[in-house]
Protein backbone atom coordinates (compact mmCIF):
# COMPACT_ATOMS: atom_id res chain seq x y z
CA MET A 1 -6.46 -47.22 67.78
CA ALA A 2 -3.16 -45.87 68.96
CA SER A 3 -1.22 -46.71 66.06
CA ALA A 4 -3.84 -45.11 63.79
CA THR A 5 -3.56 -41.84 65.24
CA LEU A 6 0.37 -42.07 65.30
CA LEU A 7 -0.17 -42.37 61.55
CA ALA A 8 -2.51 -39.72 60.71
CA LEU A 9 -0.33 -37.23 62.82
CA ALA A 10 2.76 -38.63 61.06
CA LEU A 11 0.89 -38.48 57.56
CA SER A 12 -0.28 -34.91 58.84
CA VAL A 13 3.36 -33.33 59.09
CA VAL A 14 4.29 -34.95 56.10
CA VAL A 15 1.91 -33.23 54.16
CA LEU A 16 2.50 -30.00 56.71
CA GLY A 17 6.25 -30.17 55.13
CA VAL A 18 5.32 -30.93 51.32
CA VAL A 19 3.23 -27.80 52.06
CA LEU A 20 5.63 -25.49 53.50
CA PHE A 21 8.31 -26.36 51.29
CA ALA A 22 6.14 -25.61 48.39
CA ALA A 23 5.27 -22.16 49.88
CA VAL A 24 9.08 -21.44 50.33
CA ALA A 25 10.44 -22.58 47.16
CA LEU A 26 6.78 -20.38 45.16
CA ARG A 27 8.33 -17.41 47.45
CA ARG A 28 11.74 -17.62 46.31
CA ALA A 29 11.17 -17.92 42.66
CA GLY A 30 8.93 -15.21 42.52
CA ARG A 31 11.64 -13.16 44.19
CA ALA A 32 14.26 -14.31 41.69
CA GLU A 33 11.45 -13.94 39.14
CA ALA A 34 11.10 -10.16 40.47
CA LEU A 35 15.11 -9.79 40.93
CA ARG A 36 14.90 -10.65 36.85
CA ARG A 37 12.42 -8.58 35.53
CA ALA A 38 13.84 -5.36 37.47
CA GLY A 39 17.35 -6.23 36.32
CA ARG A 40 16.37 -6.21 32.35
CA LEU A 41 17.20 -2.39 32.01
CA ASP A 42 20.50 -2.99 33.84
CA ALA A 43 22.78 -2.84 30.48
CA CYS A 44 21.18 0.39 29.08
CA ALA A 45 21.56 2.66 32.50
CA ASN A 46 24.74 4.11 31.44
CA LEU A 47 23.14 5.66 28.02
CA LEU A 48 21.03 7.83 29.97
CA ASP A 49 23.01 10.54 31.87
CA GLY A 50 22.42 11.17 35.76
CA CYS A 51 19.76 8.02 34.93
CA VAL A 52 17.67 7.47 38.29
CA ARG A 53 16.59 3.68 38.28
CA SER A 54 12.65 2.69 39.74
CA ILE A 55 10.43 0.08 39.31
CA ASP A 56 6.46 0.54 37.96
CA ARG A 57 3.33 -1.56 39.60
CA SER A 58 3.84 -4.28 37.30
CA GLY A 59 7.11 -4.86 38.72
CA ASP A 60 9.45 -3.48 36.04
CA PRO A 61 12.54 -1.29 35.91
CA VAL A 62 12.01 2.69 34.58
CA LEU A 63 15.01 4.87 33.98
CA ARG A 64 15.03 8.17 33.48
CA GLY A 65 17.26 10.35 32.37
CA ARG A 66 18.72 13.11 29.55
CA TYR A 67 19.56 11.82 26.19
CA GLY A 68 21.24 14.13 23.50
CA GLY A 69 20.74 16.97 25.71
CA GLY A 70 17.06 16.60 26.76
CA LYS A 71 14.80 14.55 28.88
CA ALA A 72 14.32 10.89 28.54
CA ALA A 73 12.72 7.39 30.13
CA LEU A 74 13.09 3.97 28.54
CA ARG A 75 10.36 1.11 29.95
CA VAL A 76 9.86 -2.37 29.49
CA PHE A 77 6.43 -3.87 29.29
CA ALA A 78 4.86 -7.60 28.89
CA GLU A 79 1.63 -7.74 26.43
CA GLN A 80 0.52 -11.31 25.42
CA LEU A 81 -3.26 -10.71 24.47
CA ALA A 82 -2.72 -10.65 20.81
CA PHE A 83 -4.49 -14.20 19.46
CA ARG A 84 -2.30 -16.89 17.84
CA ARG A 85 1.04 -15.08 19.18
CA LEU A 86 3.67 -15.31 21.15
CA PRO A 87 3.86 -12.95 24.16
CA GLN A 88 5.76 -10.09 23.31
CA LEU A 89 8.72 -8.25 25.57
CA TRP A 90 8.40 -4.54 24.36
CA LEU A 91 11.22 -1.45 24.55
CA ALA A 92 9.48 2.15 24.94
CA ALA A 93 12.03 5.04 24.60
CA THR A 94 10.81 8.70 25.37
CA VAL A 95 12.59 11.74 24.91
CA ARG A 96 10.80 15.03 26.32
CA ALA A 97 11.16 18.00 24.15
CA ASP A 98 8.55 21.11 23.35
CA LEU A 99 8.28 20.14 19.33
CA ALA A 100 7.00 23.13 16.74
CA THR A 101 3.88 20.48 15.97
CA SER A 102 0.30 21.20 17.93
CA ALA A 103 -0.29 18.33 16.25
CA THR A 104 -0.65 14.13 17.43
CA LEU A 105 0.50 11.26 15.51
CA ASP A 106 0.54 7.84 16.23
CA LEU A 107 1.92 5.33 14.06
CA VAL A 108 1.65 0.87 14.49
CA ARG A 109 3.70 -1.91 13.05
CA ARG A 110 1.62 -4.82 11.88
CA PRO A 111 -1.47 -3.80 14.66
CA THR A 112 -3.27 -6.57 16.45
CA GLY A 113 -6.23 -4.43 18.52
CA ALA A 114 -3.79 -5.29 21.10
CA GLU A 115 -2.02 -2.01 21.78
CA PHE A 116 -2.84 -1.14 24.78
CA PHE A 117 -0.10 0.99 25.04
CA SER A 118 -1.07 2.95 21.54
CA ALA A 119 -2.85 6.22 21.43
CA GLY A 120 -4.03 5.80 18.26
CA LEU A 121 -7.74 4.04 18.87
CA ALA A 122 -9.07 7.52 20.85
CA LEU A 123 -7.61 9.69 17.43
CA PRO A 124 -9.89 11.16 15.74
CA ARG A 125 -8.47 11.10 12.13
CA ARG A 126 -6.67 8.00 9.68
CA TRP A 127 -4.96 7.68 7.02
CA ALA A 128 -3.48 5.12 4.54
CA PRO A 129 0.08 4.43 4.36
CA PRO A 130 2.28 6.87 2.01
CA GLU A 131 4.27 5.01 -0.75
CA GLY A 132 7.17 3.68 0.53
CA TRP A 133 5.96 3.03 3.67
CA PRO A 134 4.93 -0.51 5.19
CA GLN A 135 1.48 -0.91 4.23
CA ASP A 136 0.31 -2.96 7.58
CA THR A 137 1.15 0.79 9.03
CA ARG A 138 -1.85 2.04 10.82
CA ILE A 139 -1.82 5.89 10.95
CA CYS A 140 -4.04 7.56 13.01
CA GLY A 141 -4.03 11.09 14.25
CA SER A 142 -5.15 14.50 15.94
CA ALA A 143 -7.51 16.71 13.21
CA ASP A 144 -4.44 18.78 12.46
CA ALA A 145 -2.08 16.21 11.44
CA GLY A 146 -2.22 15.95 8.33
CA ALA A 147 0.70 18.33 7.92
CA LEU A 148 3.07 16.74 10.63
CA LEU A 149 2.23 12.96 8.35
CA ALA A 150 3.75 14.82 5.44
CA ALA A 151 6.75 16.26 7.14
CA LEU A 152 7.58 12.73 8.13
CA THR A 153 6.67 10.57 5.58
CA ASP A 154 10.27 10.44 3.99
CA ARG A 155 12.37 10.68 7.22
CA LEU A 156 10.52 7.39 8.45
CA ALA A 157 10.07 4.91 5.54
CA ALA A 158 13.24 3.36 6.61
CA PRO A 159 12.75 2.96 9.85
CA LEU A 160 9.56 1.68 10.03
CA ALA A 161 11.01 -1.27 7.27
CA ASP A 162 12.64 -2.22 10.31
CA PRO A 163 10.85 -5.37 11.60
CA ARG A 164 11.52 -5.16 14.98
CA LEU A 165 9.90 -1.68 15.33
CA LYS A 166 6.59 -1.20 16.62
CA SER A 167 5.57 1.80 17.27
CA ILE A 168 6.42 5.49 17.03
CA LEU A 169 4.31 8.73 18.75
CA VAL A 170 4.31 11.75 18.17
CA THR A 171 2.81 14.80 19.99
CA PRO A 172 3.61 18.45 21.10
CA ARG A 173 5.99 17.54 24.13
CA GLY A 174 7.90 14.81 22.68
CA VAL A 175 8.44 11.56 20.27
CA ARG A 176 8.04 8.13 22.00
CA VAL A 177 9.56 4.98 19.98
CA VAL A 178 8.22 1.38 20.91
CA ARG A 179 10.35 -1.65 19.42
CA GLN A 180 10.60 -5.60 20.47
CA ALA A 181 12.92 -6.43 22.99
CA ALA A 182 12.03 -10.16 23.23
CA GLN A 183 9.51 -12.58 22.33
CA GLY A 184 8.24 -15.22 24.69
CA SER A 185 8.68 -18.51 24.91
CA ARG A 186 6.77 -20.92 23.21
CA GLY A 187 7.20 -23.83 25.41
CA ALA A 188 6.26 -22.01 28.52
CA TYR A 189 3.38 -19.81 26.25
CA LEU A 190 1.73 -23.12 25.00
CA LEU A 191 1.88 -25.93 28.16
CA PHE A 192 1.05 -22.81 31.41
CA ARG A 193 0.27 -19.64 29.45
CA ASP A 194 3.56 -18.66 30.89
CA MET A 195 5.40 -15.11 29.85
CA ARG A 196 8.70 -16.37 29.82
CA PHE A 197 11.57 -14.11 27.66
CA PRO A 198 14.87 -15.70 27.18
CA LYS A 199 17.02 -12.97 27.01
CA ALA A 200 17.52 -11.89 30.59
CA SER A 201 17.96 -8.01 29.56
CA VAL A 202 17.43 -5.77 27.02
CA THR A 203 20.33 -5.28 24.89
CA ARG A 204 22.08 -1.37 25.04
CA HIS A 205 22.00 -1.72 21.07
CA ASP A 206 18.47 -1.88 21.09
CA ALA A 207 17.82 0.61 23.57
CA ALA A 208 20.06 3.45 21.36
CA ALA A 209 18.48 2.36 17.88
CA ALA A 210 15.33 3.53 20.02
CA LEU A 211 16.38 6.39 21.63
CA ASP A 212 18.27 7.33 18.55
CA LEU A 213 15.30 7.17 16.53
CA ALA A 214 13.15 9.09 18.89
CA LEU A 215 16.08 11.78 19.37
CA GLN A 216 16.27 12.24 15.36
CA ILE A 217 12.53 12.77 15.07
CA ALA A 218 12.41 15.37 18.06
CA ALA A 219 15.49 17.27 16.08
CA ALA A 220 13.42 17.38 12.88
CA LEU A 221 10.34 19.25 14.09
CA ALA A 222 12.40 21.14 16.87
CA PRO A 223 11.26 25.24 16.58
CA ALA A 224 14.99 26.15 15.51
CA THR A 225 14.73 23.32 12.80
CA ARG A 226 11.40 24.63 11.91
CA ASP A 227 12.26 28.23 11.44
CA ALA A 228 15.78 27.50 9.85
CA HIS A 229 13.53 25.96 6.89
CA GLU A 230 10.62 29.33 7.09
CA SER A 231 14.10 31.13 6.78
CA ASP A 232 15.24 28.92 3.56
CA ARG A 233 12.20 29.64 2.06
CA LEU A 234 12.23 33.56 2.41
CA ASP A 235 15.32 33.44 0.50
CA VAL A 236 14.73 31.95 -1.89
CA ARG A 237 11.83 34.11 -2.51
CA ALA A 238 13.47 36.78 -1.91
CA ALA A 239 16.27 36.25 -4.41
């Protein structure tokens, strides 16, 4: 009886040790993952003047500062809801500016219906993609967005051809560009439905490309640009 009790006690100690070891390992893995996620934008921090870092509720980093003289922000978020597609890590670059439009326009390449970051489905108007645009572009906008779409048609044809560009949102308060930063590891997702991205962090090049596009769109729609175009038209008519 005594030997059986000792054996049971020994087994209990072993099991407890295994549980404690697993708990410690999981805690360390969780901390390492949190640090890895928090550092995804480290290579991009020097793009923004006066950069301020924060962590959002999901544990992903957010950078805020100034770019091209205006307020800007960079953030990342993962999405794995699309059927039969590997998880995606998206990079969102936002440039804040008061634009010469009251309209909102939302463009999404290759829409799957899983784009939770898109405002398009809440907008009332739909348009077919203009000639020269990728025909898998979903175009949604406010009731008054027709003129805004016409103003941007030629300018956005080339950027939308980039296969890594996912979304462009234009509002009276600024522009947001969403690009693919990384695609999930196939093995980890197929076996464990785990979102593991081979890239440790977003590259400075990708962040600059997204910020530059957002800034170019905002500059094209700035009040000063609109006033200059209107002045040119008046000069031509007067002549």
